[in-house]
N, C-alpha and C. Protein backbone atom coordinates (compact mmCIF):
# COMPACT_ATOMS: atom_id res chain seq x y z
N MET A 1 77.04 161.19 -172.37
CA MET A 1 77.46 159.42 -173.16
C MET A 1 77.50 158.44 -171.71
N LYS A 2 78.46 158.85 -170.72
CA LYS A 2 78.18 157.74 -169.54
C LYS A 2 77.01 157.35 -169.19
N LEU A 3 76.31 158.57 -169.07
CA LEU A 3 74.34 158.30 -168.62
C LEU A 3 73.99 157.36 -169.51
N PHE A 4 74.18 157.82 -170.71
CA PHE A 4 73.35 156.68 -171.96
C PHE A 4 73.88 155.74 -171.33
N LYS A 5 75.03 155.17 -171.25
CA LYS A 5 75.70 154.18 -171.11
C LYS A 5 75.37 153.27 -169.86
N GLN A 6 75.06 154.08 -168.56
CA GLN A 6 74.40 153.44 -167.52
C GLN A 6 73.26 153.22 -167.89
N ARG A 7 72.19 153.83 -168.86
CA ARG A 7 71.00 153.05 -168.85
C ARG A 7 70.99 152.13 -169.67
N VAL A 8 71.54 151.99 -170.96
CA VAL A 8 71.51 150.75 -171.78
C VAL A 8 72.01 149.74 -170.84
N SER A 9 72.89 150.08 -169.95
CA SER A 9 73.46 148.88 -168.75
C SER A 9 72.19 148.15 -167.79
N GLN A 10 71.26 148.61 -167.60
CA GLN A 10 70.26 149.15 -166.88
C GLN A 10 69.15 147.99 -167.93
N ILE A 11 69.10 148.63 -168.96
CA ILE A 11 68.37 148.23 -169.29
C ILE A 11 68.40 146.82 -170.26
N ILE A 12 69.54 146.13 -170.19
CA ILE A 12 70.31 144.78 -170.32
C ILE A 12 70.13 143.80 -169.19
N VAL A 13 70.43 144.79 -168.56
CA VAL A 13 70.18 143.78 -167.06
C VAL A 13 68.60 143.55 -166.51
N GLY A 14 67.83 144.49 -166.93
CA GLY A 14 66.39 144.74 -166.51
C GLY A 14 65.90 143.13 -167.35
N MET A 15 66.49 143.33 -168.76
CA MET A 15 65.68 142.28 -169.61
C MET A 15 66.20 140.99 -169.41
N GLY A 16 67.48 140.79 -168.95
CA GLY A 16 68.33 139.39 -168.25
C GLY A 16 66.98 139.13 -167.29
N PHE A 17 66.98 140.00 -165.94
CA PHE A 17 65.79 139.28 -165.33
C PHE A 17 64.33 138.92 -165.87
N ALA A 18 64.00 139.63 -166.86
CA ALA A 18 62.24 139.24 -167.30
C ALA A 18 62.71 138.01 -168.48
N LEU A 19 63.83 137.85 -168.64
CA LEU A 19 64.52 136.44 -169.58
C LEU A 19 64.45 135.38 -168.40
N ALA A 20 64.98 135.97 -167.35
CA ALA A 20 64.94 134.42 -166.43
C ALA A 20 63.57 134.23 -165.89
N ALA A 21 62.71 135.10 -165.74
CA ALA A 21 61.23 135.18 -165.29
C ALA A 21 60.43 134.18 -165.64
N THR A 22 61.00 134.04 -167.48
CA THR A 22 59.96 133.65 -168.05
C THR A 22 60.44 132.53 -167.83
N ALA A 23 61.44 131.96 -168.09
CA ALA A 23 62.46 130.84 -168.19
C ALA A 23 61.63 129.94 -166.77
N PHE A 24 61.43 130.50 -165.94
CA PHE A 24 60.77 130.25 -164.63
C PHE A 24 59.64 129.29 -164.91
N SER A 25 58.79 129.65 -166.26
CA SER A 25 57.34 129.09 -166.42
C SER A 25 57.64 128.95 -167.83
N ALA A 26 57.60 127.77 -168.24
CA ALA A 26 57.96 127.86 -169.53
C ALA A 26 56.34 128.01 -170.59
N GLN A 27 55.32 127.35 -169.72
CA GLN A 27 54.01 127.88 -170.60
C GLN A 27 53.26 128.09 -169.19
N ALA A 28 51.84 128.86 -170.17
CA ALA A 28 50.68 129.07 -169.24
C ALA A 28 49.97 128.10 -168.95
N ALA A 29 49.37 127.97 -167.42
CA ALA A 29 48.80 127.05 -166.87
C ALA A 29 47.33 126.58 -168.04
N LEU A 30 46.92 125.16 -167.55
CA LEU A 30 45.73 125.09 -168.31
C LEU A 30 44.89 125.93 -168.28
N PRO A 31 43.73 126.59 -169.31
CA PRO A 31 43.13 127.54 -169.31
C PRO A 31 41.72 127.35 -169.06
N VAL A 32 40.67 128.03 -169.01
CA VAL A 32 39.32 127.29 -168.33
C VAL A 32 38.69 126.97 -169.90
N GLY A 33 38.37 125.98 -169.48
CA GLY A 33 37.24 125.65 -171.20
C GLY A 33 38.32 124.08 -171.20
N ALA A 34 39.74 124.00 -170.97
CA ALA A 34 40.46 122.77 -170.83
C ALA A 34 39.65 121.52 -170.49
N SER A 35 40.16 120.16 -170.75
CA SER A 35 39.89 119.76 -170.31
C SER A 35 41.14 118.89 -169.13
N ALA A 36 40.39 118.75 -167.45
CA ALA A 36 41.80 118.47 -166.65
C ALA A 36 42.12 116.78 -167.16
N PRO A 37 43.14 116.95 -166.97
CA PRO A 37 44.29 115.68 -166.93
C PRO A 37 43.74 114.59 -165.75
N ASP A 38 43.48 113.71 -165.54
CA ASP A 38 42.71 112.40 -164.62
C ASP A 38 44.24 112.20 -163.96
N PHE A 39 44.05 112.15 -162.84
CA PHE A 39 45.09 111.32 -161.83
C PHE A 39 44.92 110.52 -160.44
N GLN A 40 46.03 109.87 -160.14
CA GLN A 40 45.85 109.28 -158.77
C GLN A 40 47.37 109.34 -158.30
N LEU A 41 46.76 110.06 -156.83
CA LEU A 41 48.48 110.45 -156.34
C LEU A 41 48.42 109.83 -154.73
N HIS A 42 49.38 109.66 -154.41
CA HIS A 42 49.51 109.39 -152.68
C HIS A 42 49.39 110.68 -151.83
N ALA A 43 47.91 110.62 -151.31
CA ALA A 43 47.86 112.06 -150.34
C ALA A 43 47.60 111.66 -149.08
N ALA A 44 46.97 112.38 -148.37
CA ALA A 44 47.13 112.57 -146.65
C ALA A 44 45.85 113.31 -146.31
N LEU A 45 45.25 113.01 -145.07
CA LEU A 45 44.51 113.78 -144.47
C LEU A 45 44.11 113.37 -143.19
N GLY A 46 44.57 114.73 -142.44
CA GLY A 46 44.39 114.46 -141.48
C GLY A 46 45.87 113.84 -140.77
N GLY A 47 46.48 113.64 -141.71
CA GLY A 47 47.95 112.74 -140.82
C GLY A 47 47.67 111.19 -141.65
N LYS A 48 46.89 111.18 -142.18
CA LYS A 48 46.03 109.74 -142.26
C LYS A 48 46.44 109.74 -143.89
N PRO A 49 47.24 108.28 -144.52
CA PRO A 49 47.48 107.98 -145.99
C PRO A 49 46.16 107.95 -146.67
N LEU A 50 46.18 108.20 -147.80
CA LEU A 50 45.09 107.47 -149.02
C LEU A 50 45.40 108.20 -149.95
N ASP A 51 44.86 107.27 -150.96
CA ASP A 51 44.91 107.50 -152.43
C ASP A 51 43.89 108.72 -153.22
N PHE A 52 44.14 109.39 -153.71
CA PHE A 52 43.54 110.63 -154.28
C PHE A 52 43.33 110.18 -155.65
N SER A 53 41.99 110.74 -155.98
CA SER A 53 41.95 109.94 -157.57
C SER A 53 40.94 110.81 -157.91
N LEU A 54 41.37 111.89 -158.91
CA LEU A 54 40.16 112.91 -159.32
C LEU A 54 38.92 113.17 -160.16
N GLN A 55 39.03 110.98 -160.82
CA GLN A 55 38.34 110.98 -161.52
C GLN A 55 36.73 110.79 -160.34
N GLN A 56 37.18 110.29 -159.16
CA GLN A 56 36.28 109.55 -158.31
C GLN A 56 36.06 110.75 -157.36
N ALA A 57 36.79 111.84 -157.05
CA ALA A 57 36.30 112.60 -156.55
C ALA A 57 35.38 113.66 -157.10
N LEU A 58 35.38 114.14 -158.62
CA LEU A 58 34.77 114.74 -159.31
C LEU A 58 33.34 113.84 -159.94
N LYS A 59 32.72 112.67 -159.04
CA LYS A 59 31.43 111.91 -158.91
C LYS A 59 31.01 113.02 -157.82
N LYS A 60 31.67 113.31 -157.09
CA LYS A 60 30.63 114.43 -155.91
C LYS A 60 30.27 115.68 -156.41
N GLY A 61 31.48 115.81 -157.06
CA GLY A 61 30.56 117.69 -157.53
C GLY A 61 32.48 117.99 -157.56
N PRO A 62 32.35 119.65 -157.90
CA PRO A 62 33.70 120.40 -158.87
C PRO A 62 34.55 119.77 -157.52
N VAL A 63 36.14 120.12 -157.99
CA VAL A 63 37.35 120.16 -157.63
C VAL A 63 37.91 121.07 -157.92
N VAL A 64 38.11 121.33 -156.09
CA VAL A 64 39.46 122.86 -155.79
C VAL A 64 40.94 122.22 -156.11
N LEU A 65 41.61 121.92 -157.00
CA LEU A 65 43.02 121.62 -157.08
C LEU A 65 43.89 122.57 -157.29
N TYR A 66 44.50 122.78 -155.88
CA TYR A 66 45.80 123.89 -156.07
C TYR A 66 46.89 123.30 -155.97
N PHE A 67 48.18 123.39 -156.63
CA PHE A 67 48.86 123.08 -156.88
C PHE A 67 49.85 124.58 -155.53
N PHE A 68 51.24 123.76 -155.12
CA PHE A 68 51.89 124.83 -154.15
C PHE A 68 53.20 124.16 -154.42
N PRO A 69 54.10 124.95 -154.13
CA PRO A 69 55.73 124.72 -154.27
C PRO A 69 56.16 123.76 -153.27
N ALA A 70 55.83 123.96 -152.17
CA ALA A 70 56.70 123.26 -151.51
C ALA A 70 56.11 123.31 -149.80
N ALA A 71 55.46 122.21 -148.82
CA ALA A 71 54.53 122.28 -147.67
C ALA A 71 55.74 122.97 -146.36
N PHE A 72 55.33 123.58 -145.45
CA PHE A 72 55.86 124.43 -144.70
C PHE A 72 56.79 125.11 -145.06
N THR A 73 56.53 126.18 -146.26
CA THR A 73 57.41 127.45 -146.55
C THR A 73 55.80 128.09 -146.01
N ALA A 74 56.46 129.71 -146.28
CA ALA A 74 55.78 130.89 -145.74
C ALA A 74 54.43 130.66 -146.42
N GLY A 75 54.70 130.73 -147.66
CA GLY A 75 53.17 131.34 -148.65
C GLY A 75 52.23 130.13 -148.71
N CYS A 76 53.09 128.64 -148.51
CA CYS A 76 52.45 127.87 -149.05
C CYS A 76 51.42 127.80 -147.60
N THR A 77 52.20 127.80 -146.51
CA THR A 77 51.06 127.74 -145.00
C THR A 77 50.22 128.11 -144.73
N LEU A 78 50.80 129.43 -145.30
CA LEU A 78 49.29 130.59 -145.49
C LEU A 78 48.50 130.30 -146.59
N GLU A 79 48.51 129.69 -147.54
CA GLU A 79 47.55 129.78 -148.14
C GLU A 79 47.12 128.53 -147.79
N ALA A 80 47.54 127.37 -147.40
CA ALA A 80 46.85 126.21 -146.47
C ALA A 80 46.13 126.17 -145.13
N HIS A 81 46.31 127.41 -144.56
CA HIS A 81 45.78 127.81 -143.43
C HIS A 81 44.25 128.66 -143.85
N ASP A 82 44.50 129.26 -145.22
CA ASP A 82 42.78 130.16 -145.95
C ASP A 82 42.31 129.07 -146.52
N PHE A 83 42.62 128.05 -147.21
CA PHE A 83 42.01 126.69 -147.41
C PHE A 83 41.56 125.82 -146.41
N ALA A 84 41.60 125.90 -145.52
CA ALA A 84 41.18 125.16 -144.34
C ALA A 84 40.22 126.42 -143.91
N ALA A 85 40.36 127.16 -143.62
CA ALA A 85 39.14 128.35 -143.38
C ALA A 85 38.01 128.10 -144.21
N ALA A 86 38.21 127.64 -145.51
CA ALA A 86 36.96 128.13 -146.45
C ALA A 86 36.79 126.37 -146.65
N THR A 87 37.33 125.58 -146.10
CA THR A 87 36.90 124.14 -147.04
C THR A 87 35.57 123.62 -146.42
N ASP A 88 35.03 124.29 -145.40
CA ASP A 88 33.64 123.95 -145.00
C ASP A 88 32.82 124.69 -145.73
N THR A 89 33.21 125.65 -145.95
CA THR A 89 32.41 126.73 -147.22
C THR A 89 32.50 125.58 -148.37
N PHE A 90 33.45 125.64 -148.89
CA PHE A 90 33.05 124.84 -150.52
C PHE A 90 32.41 123.13 -149.74
N ASN A 91 32.73 122.43 -148.95
CA ASN A 91 32.24 121.55 -148.85
C ASN A 91 30.62 121.69 -149.00
N GLN A 92 30.14 122.72 -148.32
CA GLN A 92 28.72 123.17 -148.40
C GLN A 92 28.42 123.33 -149.98
N LEU A 93 28.99 123.83 -150.66
CA LEU A 93 28.72 124.06 -151.82
C LEU A 93 28.79 122.61 -153.12
N GLY A 94 29.21 121.53 -152.34
CA GLY A 94 29.78 120.23 -152.90
C GLY A 94 31.32 120.14 -153.45
N ALA A 95 31.53 121.11 -153.30
CA ALA A 95 33.16 120.88 -153.79
C ALA A 95 33.93 120.17 -152.68
N THR A 96 34.95 119.69 -153.20
CA THR A 96 36.06 119.33 -152.66
C THR A 96 37.55 119.93 -152.85
N VAL A 97 38.34 120.43 -151.79
CA VAL A 97 39.51 120.66 -151.53
C VAL A 97 40.93 119.59 -152.10
N ILE A 98 41.59 119.88 -152.54
CA ILE A 98 42.89 118.72 -152.97
C ILE A 98 43.99 120.02 -153.50
N GLY A 99 44.67 119.92 -152.76
CA GLY A 99 46.45 120.65 -152.44
C GLY A 99 47.28 119.07 -153.07
N VAL A 100 48.19 119.75 -153.94
CA VAL A 100 49.22 119.35 -154.64
C VAL A 100 50.52 119.87 -154.71
N THR A 101 51.22 118.70 -154.10
CA THR A 101 52.91 119.78 -154.35
C THR A 101 53.89 118.44 -154.70
N ALA A 102 54.81 119.10 -155.06
CA ALA A 102 55.78 118.64 -155.73
C ALA A 102 57.10 118.50 -155.16
N GLY A 103 56.89 119.46 -154.00
CA GLY A 103 57.84 120.08 -153.11
C GLY A 103 58.38 119.28 -152.01
N ASN A 104 59.22 118.92 -151.25
CA ASN A 104 59.38 117.90 -150.00
C ASN A 104 58.16 117.09 -149.69
N THR A 105 57.97 115.83 -150.51
CA THR A 105 56.71 115.12 -150.70
C THR A 105 56.86 114.71 -149.56
N ASP A 106 58.06 113.95 -149.28
CA ASP A 106 57.99 113.80 -147.74
C ASP A 106 56.86 113.69 -146.03
N GLN A 107 56.63 114.77 -146.43
CA GLN A 107 56.12 115.75 -145.40
C GLN A 107 55.01 116.14 -145.78
N ILE A 108 54.04 115.77 -146.53
CA ILE A 108 52.56 115.81 -146.95
C ILE A 108 51.61 115.50 -145.50
N SER A 109 52.01 114.41 -145.25
CA SER A 109 51.60 113.54 -144.19
C SER A 109 51.33 114.88 -142.84
N GLN A 110 52.45 115.37 -142.10
CA GLN A 110 52.30 116.07 -141.18
C GLN A 110 51.79 117.51 -141.95
N PHE A 111 51.87 117.78 -142.61
CA PHE A 111 51.56 119.32 -143.50
C PHE A 111 49.96 119.12 -143.19
N SER A 112 49.09 117.82 -143.95
CA SER A 112 47.80 117.82 -143.72
C SER A 112 47.27 118.13 -142.29
N LYS A 113 48.46 117.86 -141.53
CA LYS A 113 47.28 117.11 -140.02
C LYS A 113 47.63 119.02 -139.66
N VAL A 114 49.01 119.74 -139.76
CA VAL A 114 49.26 120.87 -138.81
C VAL A 114 48.57 122.34 -139.65
N GLU A 115 49.50 122.22 -140.50
CA GLU A 115 49.21 123.32 -141.57
C GLU A 115 47.46 123.77 -142.69
N CYS A 116 47.22 122.28 -142.91
CA CYS A 116 45.97 121.98 -143.29
C CYS A 116 44.99 122.07 -142.46
N ARG A 117 44.97 121.64 -141.13
CA ARG A 117 44.39 121.60 -140.00
C ARG A 117 43.15 120.32 -140.22
N ASP A 118 43.53 118.86 -140.98
CA ASP A 118 43.29 118.57 -140.82
C ASP A 118 41.72 118.44 -141.34
N LYS A 119 41.35 119.22 -142.68
CA LYS A 119 40.21 120.20 -143.67
C LYS A 119 39.89 119.20 -144.64
N PHE A 120 41.10 119.23 -145.24
CA PHE A 120 41.56 118.81 -147.15
C PHE A 120 42.90 117.80 -147.11
N ALA A 121 42.98 117.20 -147.98
CA ALA A 121 43.66 116.21 -148.36
C ALA A 121 44.85 116.79 -149.40
N VAL A 122 46.25 116.71 -149.26
CA VAL A 122 47.23 117.33 -149.41
C VAL A 122 48.11 115.78 -150.06
N ALA A 123 48.36 116.20 -151.72
CA ALA A 123 48.44 114.90 -152.36
C ALA A 123 50.37 115.24 -152.38
N ALA A 124 50.89 114.31 -152.58
CA ALA A 124 52.37 114.10 -153.46
C ALA A 124 52.71 113.93 -154.91
N ASP A 125 53.08 114.48 -155.28
CA ASP A 125 53.45 114.46 -157.01
C ASP A 125 54.71 114.42 -157.31
N PRO A 126 55.34 113.70 -156.82
CA PRO A 126 57.22 112.99 -156.93
C PRO A 126 57.50 113.16 -158.67
N GLY A 127 58.79 114.61 -158.69
CA GLY A 127 58.89 115.06 -159.95
C GLY A 127 57.88 115.85 -160.79
N ALA A 128 56.95 116.19 -160.28
CA ALA A 128 55.83 116.89 -160.50
C ALA A 128 55.40 116.62 -162.06
N LYS A 129 55.32 115.15 -161.88
CA LYS A 129 54.41 114.92 -163.14
C LYS A 129 53.23 115.19 -163.33
N VAL A 130 52.30 115.71 -162.13
CA VAL A 130 51.04 116.10 -162.31
C VAL A 130 50.72 117.00 -162.83
N ALA A 131 51.83 118.28 -162.05
CA ALA A 131 51.89 119.33 -162.20
C ALA A 131 52.73 120.20 -163.50
N ALA A 132 53.38 118.82 -164.67
CA ALA A 132 53.12 119.39 -165.55
C ALA A 132 52.13 118.96 -166.81
N GLU A 133 51.53 118.19 -166.51
CA GLU A 133 49.78 117.82 -167.49
C GLU A 133 49.33 119.31 -167.23
N TYR A 134 49.31 120.21 -166.22
CA TYR A 134 48.50 120.82 -165.77
C TYR A 134 48.93 121.74 -166.41
N HIS A 135 50.40 122.08 -167.06
CA HIS A 135 51.19 123.12 -167.32
C HIS A 135 52.06 124.17 -165.86
N THR A 136 51.78 123.44 -164.56
CA THR A 136 52.41 124.16 -163.52
C THR A 136 53.56 124.07 -163.06
N ALA A 137 54.37 123.05 -163.71
CA ALA A 137 55.74 122.49 -163.46
C ALA A 137 56.67 123.72 -163.72
N VAL A 138 57.66 123.68 -162.60
CA VAL A 138 58.88 124.75 -162.50
C VAL A 138 59.62 123.97 -162.05
N GLN A 139 61.25 124.69 -162.46
CA GLN A 139 62.54 124.53 -162.32
C GLN A 139 62.82 124.83 -161.43
N MET A 140 63.18 124.75 -160.09
CA MET A 140 63.64 125.92 -158.83
C MET A 140 64.73 124.81 -158.38
N GLN A 141 65.98 125.86 -158.13
CA GLN A 141 67.07 125.45 -158.02
C GLN A 141 67.60 124.24 -158.49
N GLY A 142 67.28 123.45 -159.31
CA GLY A 142 67.66 122.34 -160.22
C GLY A 142 66.40 121.37 -159.93
N LYS A 143 65.17 121.67 -159.02
CA LYS A 143 64.64 120.62 -158.91
C LYS A 143 63.26 120.86 -159.07
N ALA A 144 62.50 119.67 -159.66
CA ALA A 144 61.23 120.22 -160.53
C ALA A 144 59.77 120.45 -159.22
N MET A 145 59.51 121.33 -159.67
CA MET A 145 58.55 121.57 -158.34
C MET A 145 56.91 122.47 -159.07
N SER A 146 56.19 122.81 -158.40
CA SER A 146 54.64 122.97 -158.80
C SER A 146 54.67 124.91 -158.61
N GLU A 147 54.34 125.26 -159.43
CA GLU A 147 53.97 126.69 -159.40
C GLU A 147 52.73 127.10 -158.58
N ARG A 148 52.39 127.94 -158.09
CA ARG A 148 51.23 128.15 -157.52
C ARG A 148 49.86 128.25 -157.84
N THR A 149 49.14 127.59 -158.62
CA THR A 149 48.52 127.80 -159.28
C THR A 149 47.07 127.32 -158.71
N SER A 150 45.70 127.69 -158.92
CA SER A 150 44.27 126.80 -158.57
C SER A 150 43.81 126.79 -159.59
N PHE A 151 42.88 125.59 -159.77
CA PHE A 151 41.85 125.49 -160.78
C PHE A 151 40.30 124.97 -159.85
N VAL A 152 39.62 125.39 -160.97
CA VAL A 152 38.12 124.63 -160.24
C VAL A 152 37.80 123.95 -161.55
N ILE A 153 37.76 122.29 -161.17
CA ILE A 153 37.10 121.55 -162.38
C ILE A 153 35.83 121.18 -161.99
N ALA A 154 34.83 121.32 -162.91
CA ALA A 154 33.67 120.88 -163.18
C ALA A 154 33.62 119.64 -162.95
N PRO A 155 32.55 118.59 -162.52
CA PRO A 155 32.31 117.62 -162.59
C PRO A 155 32.46 116.72 -164.12
N ASP A 156 31.82 117.67 -165.46
CA ASP A 156 32.36 116.79 -166.50
C ASP A 156 33.79 116.91 -166.99
N GLY A 157 34.77 117.20 -165.98
CA GLY A 157 36.16 117.50 -166.00
C GLY A 157 36.86 118.58 -167.09
N LYS A 158 36.23 119.80 -167.03
CA LYS A 158 36.45 120.66 -168.10
C LYS A 158 36.90 122.13 -166.92
N ILE A 159 37.58 122.71 -166.86
CA ILE A 159 38.38 123.35 -166.13
C ILE A 159 37.37 124.82 -166.27
N LEU A 160 36.52 125.36 -164.89
CA LEU A 160 36.31 126.47 -164.68
C LEU A 160 36.55 127.67 -164.53
N MET A 161 37.81 127.51 -163.76
CA MET A 161 38.80 128.33 -163.08
C MET A 161 40.30 128.03 -163.39
N SER A 162 41.45 129.14 -163.95
CA SER A 162 42.35 128.56 -163.74
C SER A 162 43.60 129.90 -163.03
N TYR A 163 44.06 130.46 -162.72
CA TYR A 163 44.60 131.63 -161.81
C TYR A 163 45.75 130.73 -161.13
N THR A 164 47.30 131.45 -162.22
CA THR A 164 48.11 131.43 -161.18
C THR A 164 49.46 132.67 -161.02
N ASP A 165 49.23 132.53 -159.50
CA ASP A 165 50.07 133.95 -159.18
C ASP A 165 50.72 133.51 -157.58
N ARG A 166 52.24 133.88 -157.59
CA ARG A 166 53.37 133.61 -156.40
C ARG A 166 52.50 133.56 -155.39
N ASN A 167 51.90 135.04 -155.30
CA ASN A 167 51.30 135.21 -154.12
C ASN A 167 49.80 134.61 -153.23
N PRO A 168 49.67 134.11 -152.42
CA PRO A 168 48.82 133.16 -152.42
C PRO A 168 47.22 133.85 -151.97
N ASP A 169 47.46 135.21 -151.72
CA ASP A 169 46.08 135.74 -150.99
C ASP A 169 45.10 136.22 -151.82
N GLN A 170 44.75 135.81 -153.04
CA GLN A 170 43.37 135.41 -153.79
C GLN A 170 43.34 134.46 -154.60
N HIS A 171 43.34 133.26 -154.64
CA HIS A 171 43.68 131.97 -154.76
C HIS A 171 42.15 131.30 -154.28
N ILE A 172 42.49 131.65 -153.17
CA ILE A 172 41.03 131.32 -152.32
C ILE A 172 40.24 131.91 -152.58
N GLN A 173 39.97 133.09 -152.97
CA GLN A 173 38.82 133.93 -153.14
C GLN A 173 37.89 133.60 -154.39
N LYS A 174 39.15 133.41 -155.66
CA LYS A 174 38.83 133.02 -156.76
C LYS A 174 38.25 131.94 -157.35
N ALA A 175 38.72 130.92 -156.29
CA ALA A 175 37.99 129.43 -156.56
C ALA A 175 36.83 129.41 -155.70
N LEU A 176 36.77 130.26 -154.72
CA LEU A 176 35.18 130.36 -154.27
C LEU A 176 34.60 130.69 -154.83
N ASP A 177 34.56 132.13 -155.67
CA ASP A 177 33.61 132.58 -156.60
C ASP A 177 33.41 131.78 -157.98
N ALA A 178 34.28 130.88 -158.09
CA ALA A 178 34.36 130.05 -159.57
C ALA A 178 33.32 128.98 -158.73
N VAL A 179 32.99 128.23 -157.60
CA VAL A 179 32.66 127.02 -157.41
C VAL A 179 31.14 127.62 -156.85
N LYS A 180 31.26 128.99 -156.42
CA LYS A 180 29.77 129.60 -156.38
C LYS A 180 28.69 129.48 -157.47
N LYS A 181 29.65 130.23 -158.04
CA LYS A 181 29.14 130.90 -159.70
C LYS A 181 28.26 128.58 -160.31
N TYR A 182 29.67 128.40 -160.67
CA TYR A 182 29.04 126.88 -161.03
C TYR A 182 27.95 126.58 -160.07
N HIS A 183 27.50 126.57 -158.42
CA HIS A 183 26.96 125.81 -158.15
C HIS A 183 25.51 126.38 -158.51
N SER A 184 25.43 128.09 -158.49
CA SER A 184 24.01 128.64 -159.02
C SER A 184 23.68 127.98 -159.77
N ALA A 185 24.25 127.66 -160.89
CA ALA A 185 24.06 127.57 -162.43
C ALA A 185 23.35 125.98 -162.20
N HIS A 186 23.79 125.30 -161.54
CA HIS A 186 23.25 123.68 -161.43
C HIS A 186 22.83 123.43 -159.92
């Protein structure tokens, strides 16, 4: 009986963790085929301020839009380095890369210069308003943040790829594959 009670206790604790993880992200990111919400945000490229418009960027070709939780954190720095390394390839395929964060938005200028290596723009999303439109907003320690989610958006505004994973490892490759597929079809 004691063993049974311990097992039931473990199951209840496990269910609590599962519920907490579910509460972390209330809804799934916008899916493939959905219309990408237009936005304009203050951004930085190579430490220099600029205004980023999704509509303007889509006139040049596909956009790789990736949301990340906060600048200068381990996973976000790794992801920025990987996107920076792949940016020339994205550009050769006609795609624009933009990173967006709701976390520590006051540091995007320095992050764009140091961790993004002057390769692509990083935008500030105060209050995670744009992240909410893409269904990637989450609450962490009482603050609205962006969940790690990558999208590839076609020039017509349709989402070609939607991928959420807290681990940054596969985001760049999945985005690159989607851009290559779009490029070969057009």
